[in-house]
Amino acid sequence: MRFSSPIVYNAKLARCIITLSHAIQSGKEELLCSELLLTLVDPVSNTNIDTAYRKNNEFVKKAKEMMFGNIENVLKLDDLSQEFDMSKYQFIREFKNHTGISPYQFFLNCKSSIEVDLIIFWTSSRLTRFRVSS
């Protein structure tokens, strides 16, 4: 494998290595560490996937449904990858290639969205009660 410039001078690669190292040493979730590893490998791998293929894929649809269905639990990458008969690294790479974001980021986005909806609901119900009691 040949690189166009020495990788020891690549600042992005250095940041990826340091971030991965800190995540592993501080005992972060396995899914996050796997995602960081793929982020480290991604710049040196060249994959081009058709955009239409990315958007209309049953794999992505089923993976998203499984993640959204287990939103209250901890995301288990092993369970997801086993469902699709892939290694966890293959699963992360395929999901990211199809969606543009990692499964971990998708899962966090889902959780955040639900939390925002709950906050809005809670706030609006308190305002309604406040108005009624005033």
C-alpha atoms as a PDB file:
ATOM      1  CA  MET A   1       0.000   0.000   0.000  1.00  0.00           C
ATOM      2  CA  ARG A   2       1.368   3.401  -0.971  1.00  0.00           C
ATOM      3  CA  PHE A   3       0.292   6.784   0.360  1.00  0.00           C
ATOM      4  CA  SER A   4       0.502  10.067  -1.519  1.00  0.00           C
ATOM      5  CA  SER A   5       2.254  11.718   1.450  1.00  0.00           C
ATOM      6  CA  PRO A   6       3.878  10.435   4.628  1.00  0.00           C
ATOM      7  CA  ILE A   7       1.149   9.471   7.068  1.00  0.00           C
ATOM      8  CA  VAL A   8       3.231  10.539  10.057  1.00  0.00           C
ATOM      9  CA  TYR A   9       2.511  14.162   9.063  1.00  0.00           C
ATOM     10  CA  ASN A  10      -1.227  13.647   8.671  1.00  0.00           C
ATOM     11  CA  ALA A  11      -2.885  15.707  11.447  1.00  0.00           C
ATOM     12  CA  LYS A  12      -6.304  14.080  10.971  1.00  0.00           C
ATOM     13  CA  LEU A  13      -4.820  10.625  11.307  1.00  0.00           C
ATOM     14  CA  ALA A  14      -2.935  11.680  14.441  1.00  0.00           C
ATOM     15  CA  ARG A  15      -6.149  13.053  16.011  1.00  0.00           C
ATOM     16  CA  CYS A  16      -7.960   9.811  15.192  1.00  0.00           C
ATOM     17  CA  ILE A  17      -5.229   7.742  16.838  1.00  0.00           C
ATOM     18  CA  ILE A  18      -5.203   9.918  19.957  1.00  0.00           C
ATOM     19  CA  THR A  19      -9.005   9.923  20.234  1.00  0.00           C
ATOM     20  CA  LEU A  20      -9.144   6.138  19.872  1.00  0.00           C
ATOM     21  CA  SER A  21      -6.366   5.714  22.421  1.00  0.00           C
ATOM     22  CA  HIS A  22      -8.155   7.915  24.977  1.00  0.00           C
ATOM     23  CA  ALA A  23     -11.458   6.114  24.428  1.00  0.00           C
ATOM     24  CA  ILE A  24      -9.875   2.709  24.977  1.00  0.00           C
ATOM     25  CA  GLN A  25      -7.859   3.791  28.008  1.00  0.00           C
ATOM     26  CA  SER A  26     -10.831   5.465  29.672  1.00  0.00           C
ATOM     27  CA  GLY A  27     -13.040   2.392  29.176  1.00  0.00           C
ATOM     28  CA  LYS A  28     -15.563   3.938  26.778  1.00  0.00           C
ATOM     29  CA  GLU A  29     -18.282   1.777  25.195  1.00  0.00           C
ATOM     30  CA  GLU A  30     -17.126  -0.858  22.738  1.00  0.00           C
ATOM     31  CA  LEU A  31     -19.364   0.566  20.021  1.00  0.00           C
ATOM     32  CA  LEU A  32     -17.743   3.993  20.305  1.00  0.00           C
ATOM     33  CA  CYS A  33     -14.244   2.445  20.190  1.00  0.00           C
ATOM     34  CA  SER A  34     -15.198   0.401  17.120  1.00  0.00           C
ATOM     35  CA  GLU A  35     -16.558   3.518  15.436  1.00  0.00           C
ATOM     36  CA  LEU A  36     -13.350   5.416  16.225  1.00  0.00           C
ATOM     37  CA  LEU A  37     -11.296   2.560  14.808  1.00  0.00           C
ATOM     38  CA  LEU A  38     -13.254   2.724  11.569  1.00  0.00           C
ATOM     39  CA  THR A  39     -12.821   6.496  11.512  1.00  0.00           C
ATOM     40  CA  LEU A  40      -9.102   5.850  11.733  1.00  0.00           C
ATOM     41  CA  VAL A  41      -9.164   3.300   8.892  1.00  0.00           C
ATOM     42  CA  ASP A  42     -11.631   5.205   6.700  1.00  0.00           C
ATOM     43  CA  PRO A  43      -9.180   7.784   5.248  1.00  0.00           C
ATOM     44  CA  VAL A  44      -6.937   5.042   3.861  1.00  0.00           C
ATOM     45  CA  SER A  45      -9.728   2.993   2.301  1.00  0.00           C
ATOM     46  CA  ASN A  46     -11.398   4.104  -0.897  1.00  0.00           C
ATOM     47  CA  THR A  47     -15.014   3.018  -1.285  1.00  0.00           C
ATOM     48  CA  ASN A  48     -17.516   4.621  -3.601  1.00  0.00           C
ATOM     49  CA  ILE A  49     -21.125   3.541  -3.289  1.00  0.00           C
ATOM     50  CA  ASP A  50     -23.963   4.637  -5.511  1.00  0.00           C
ATOM     51  CA  THR A  51     -26.189   7.187  -3.732  1.00  0.00           C
ATOM     52  CA  ALA A  52     -29.406   5.497  -4.879  1.00  0.00           C
ATOM     53  CA  TYR A  53     -28.148   2.246  -3.363  1.00  0.00           C
ATOM     54  CA  ARG A  54     -27.504   4.057  -0.083  1.00  0.00           C
ATOM     55  CA  LYS A  55     -31.004   5.419   0.288  1.00  0.00           C
ATOM     56  CA  ASN A  56     -33.166   2.421  -0.636  1.00  0.00           C
ATOM     57  CA  ASN A  57     -31.679  -0.522   1.161  1.00  0.00           C
ATOM     58  CA  GLU A  58     -33.496  -3.091   3.281  1.00  0.00           C
ATOM     59  CA  PHE A  59     -30.368  -3.607   5.374  1.00  0.00           C
ATOM     60  CA  VAL A  60     -30.449  -0.004   6.584  1.00  0.00           C
ATOM     61  CA  LYS A  61     -34.199  -0.057   7.118  1.00  0.00           C
ATOM     62  CA  LYS A  62     -34.070  -3.176   9.272  1.00  0.00           C
ATOM     63  CA  ALA A  63     -30.996  -1.980  11.200  1.00  0.00           C
ATOM     64  CA  LYS A  64     -32.673   1.344  11.979  1.00  0.00           C
ATOM     65  CA  GLU A  65     -35.858  -0.408  13.082  1.00  0.00           C
ATOM     66  CA  MET A  66     -33.883  -2.667  15.413  1.00  0.00           C
ATOM     67  CA  MET A  67     -32.008   0.265  16.941  1.00  0.00           C
ATOM     68  CA  PHE A  68     -35.128   2.370  17.334  1.00  0.00           C
ATOM     69  CA  GLY A  69     -36.981  -0.588  18.833  1.00  0.00           C
ATOM     70  CA  ASN A  70     -34.331  -0.932  21.537  1.00  0.00           C
ATOM     71  CA  ILE A  71     -33.929   2.772  22.239  1.00  0.00           C
ATOM     72  CA  GLU A  72     -34.321   2.360  26.023  1.00  0.00           C
ATOM     73  CA  ASN A  73     -31.505  -0.205  26.221  1.00  0.00           C
ATOM     74  CA  VAL A  74     -27.786  -0.046  25.611  1.00  0.00           C
ATOM     75  CA  LEU A  75     -26.985  -0.527  21.938  1.00  0.00           C
ATOM     76  CA  LYS A  76     -25.397  -3.949  21.488  1.00  0.00           C
ATOM     77  CA  LEU A  77     -23.351  -3.985  18.334  1.00  0.00           C
ATOM     78  CA  ASP A  78     -22.799  -7.740  18.602  1.00  0.00           C
ATOM     79  CA  ASP A  79     -26.562  -8.368  18.481  1.00  0.00           C
ATOM     80  CA  LEU A  80     -27.035  -6.122  15.456  1.00  0.00           C
ATOM     81  CA  SER A  81     -24.110  -7.540  13.507  1.00  0.00           C
ATOM     82  CA  GLN A  82     -25.149 -11.107  14.350  1.00  0.00           C
ATOM     83  CA  GLU A  83     -28.647 -10.423  13.004  1.00  0.00           C
ATOM     84  CA  PHE A  84     -27.095  -9.522   9.619  1.00  0.00           C
ATOM     85  CA  ASP A  85     -24.436 -12.254   9.755  1.00  0.00           C
ATOM     86  CA  MET A  86     -21.603  -9.695   9.708  1.00  0.00           C
ATOM     87  CA  SER A  87     -18.711  -8.828  11.947  1.00  0.00           C
ATOM     88  CA  LYS A  88     -19.291  -5.696  13.992  1.00  0.00           C
ATOM     89  CA  TYR A  89     -16.735  -3.861  11.867  1.00  0.00           C
ATOM     90  CA  GLN A  90     -18.477  -4.871   8.641  1.00  0.00           C
ATOM     91  CA  PHE A  91     -21.801  -3.778  10.116  1.00  0.00           C
ATOM     92  CA  ILE A  92     -20.479  -0.348  11.112  1.00  0.00           C
ATOM     93  CA  ARG A  93     -18.841   0.162   7.727  1.00  0.00           C
ATOM     94  CA  GLU A  94     -21.924  -0.925   5.749  1.00  0.00           C
ATOM     95  CA  PHE A  95     -24.291   1.181   7.854  1.00  0.00           C
ATOM     96  CA  LYS A  96     -22.065   4.237   7.514  1.00  0.00           C
ATOM     97  CA  ASN A  97     -21.621   3.696   3.772  1.00  0.00           C
ATOM     98  CA  HIS A  98     -25.399   3.568   3.330  1.00  0.00           C
ATOM     99  CA  THR A  99     -26.417   6.371   5.682  1.00  0.00           C
ATOM    100  CA  GLY A 100     -23.407   8.660   5.965  1.00  0.00           C
ATOM    101  CA  ILE A 101     -23.354   8.301   9.764  1.00  0.00           C
ATOM    102  CA  SER A 102     -22.282   5.516  12.080  1.00  0.00           C
ATOM    103  CA  PRO A 103     -24.788   3.287  13.868  1.00  0.00           C
ATOM    104  CA  TYR A 104     -23.669   4.795  17.170  1.00  0.00           C
ATOM    105  CA  GLN A 105     -24.398   8.329  15.926  1.00  0.00           C
ATOM    106  CA  PHE A 106     -27.782   7.223  14.559  1.00  0.00           C
ATOM    107  CA  PHE A 107     -28.637   5.629  17.907  1.00  0.00           C
ATOM    108  CA  LEU A 108     -27.610   8.794  19.791  1.00  0.00           C
ATOM    109  CA  ASN A 109     -29.638  10.932  17.378  1.00  0.00           C
ATOM    110  CA  CYS A 110     -32.713   8.759  18.028  1.00  0.00           C
ATOM    111  CA  LYS A 111     -32.260   9.022  21.789  1.00  0.00           C
ATOM    112  CA  SER A 112     -31.784  12.796  21.564  1.00  0.00           C
ATOM    113  CA  SER A 113     -34.865  13.182  19.403  1.00  0.00           C
ATOM    114  CA  ILE A 114     -37.003  11.245  21.857  1.00  0.00           C
ATOM    115  CA  GLU A 115     -35.625  13.220  24.795  1.00  0.00           C
ATOM    116  CA  VAL A 116     -36.369  16.509  23.051  1.00  0.00           C
ATOM    117  CA  ASP A 117     -39.928  15.333  22.346  1.00  0.00           C
ATOM    118  CA  LEU A 118     -40.360  14.374  26.006  1.00  0.00           C
ATOM    119  CA  ILE A 119     -39.049  17.742  27.176  1.00  0.00           C
ATOM    120  CA  ILE A 120     -41.406  19.570  24.819  1.00  0.00           C
ATOM    121  CA  PHE A 121     -44.336  17.419  25.964  1.00  0.00           C
ATOM    122  CA  TRP A 122     -43.466  17.874  29.642  1.00  0.00           C
ATOM    123  CA  THR A 123     -43.013  21.629  29.249  1.00  0.00           C
ATOM    124  CA  SER A 124     -46.238  22.072  27.289  1.00  0.00           C
ATOM    125  CA  SER A 125     -48.243  19.978  29.762  1.00  0.00           C
ATOM    126  CA  ARG A 126     -46.878  22.029  32.680  1.00  0.00           C
ATOM    127  CA  LEU A 127     -47.755  25.261  30.861  1.00  0.00           C
ATOM    128  CA  THR A 128     -51.261  23.959  30.213  1.00  0.00           C
ATOM    129  CA  ARG A 129     -51.716  23.078  33.888  1.00  0.00           C
ATOM    130  CA  PHE A 130     -50.299  26.456  34.901  1.00  0.00           C
ATOM    131  CA  ARG A 131     -52.749  28.289  32.619  1.00  0.00           C
ATOM    132  CA  VAL A 132     -55.700  26.226  33.868  1.00  0.00           C
ATOM    133  CA  SER A 133     -54.860  26.829  37.529  1.00  0.00           C
ATOM    134  CA  SER A 134     -54.296  30.593  37.060  1.00  0.00           C
END
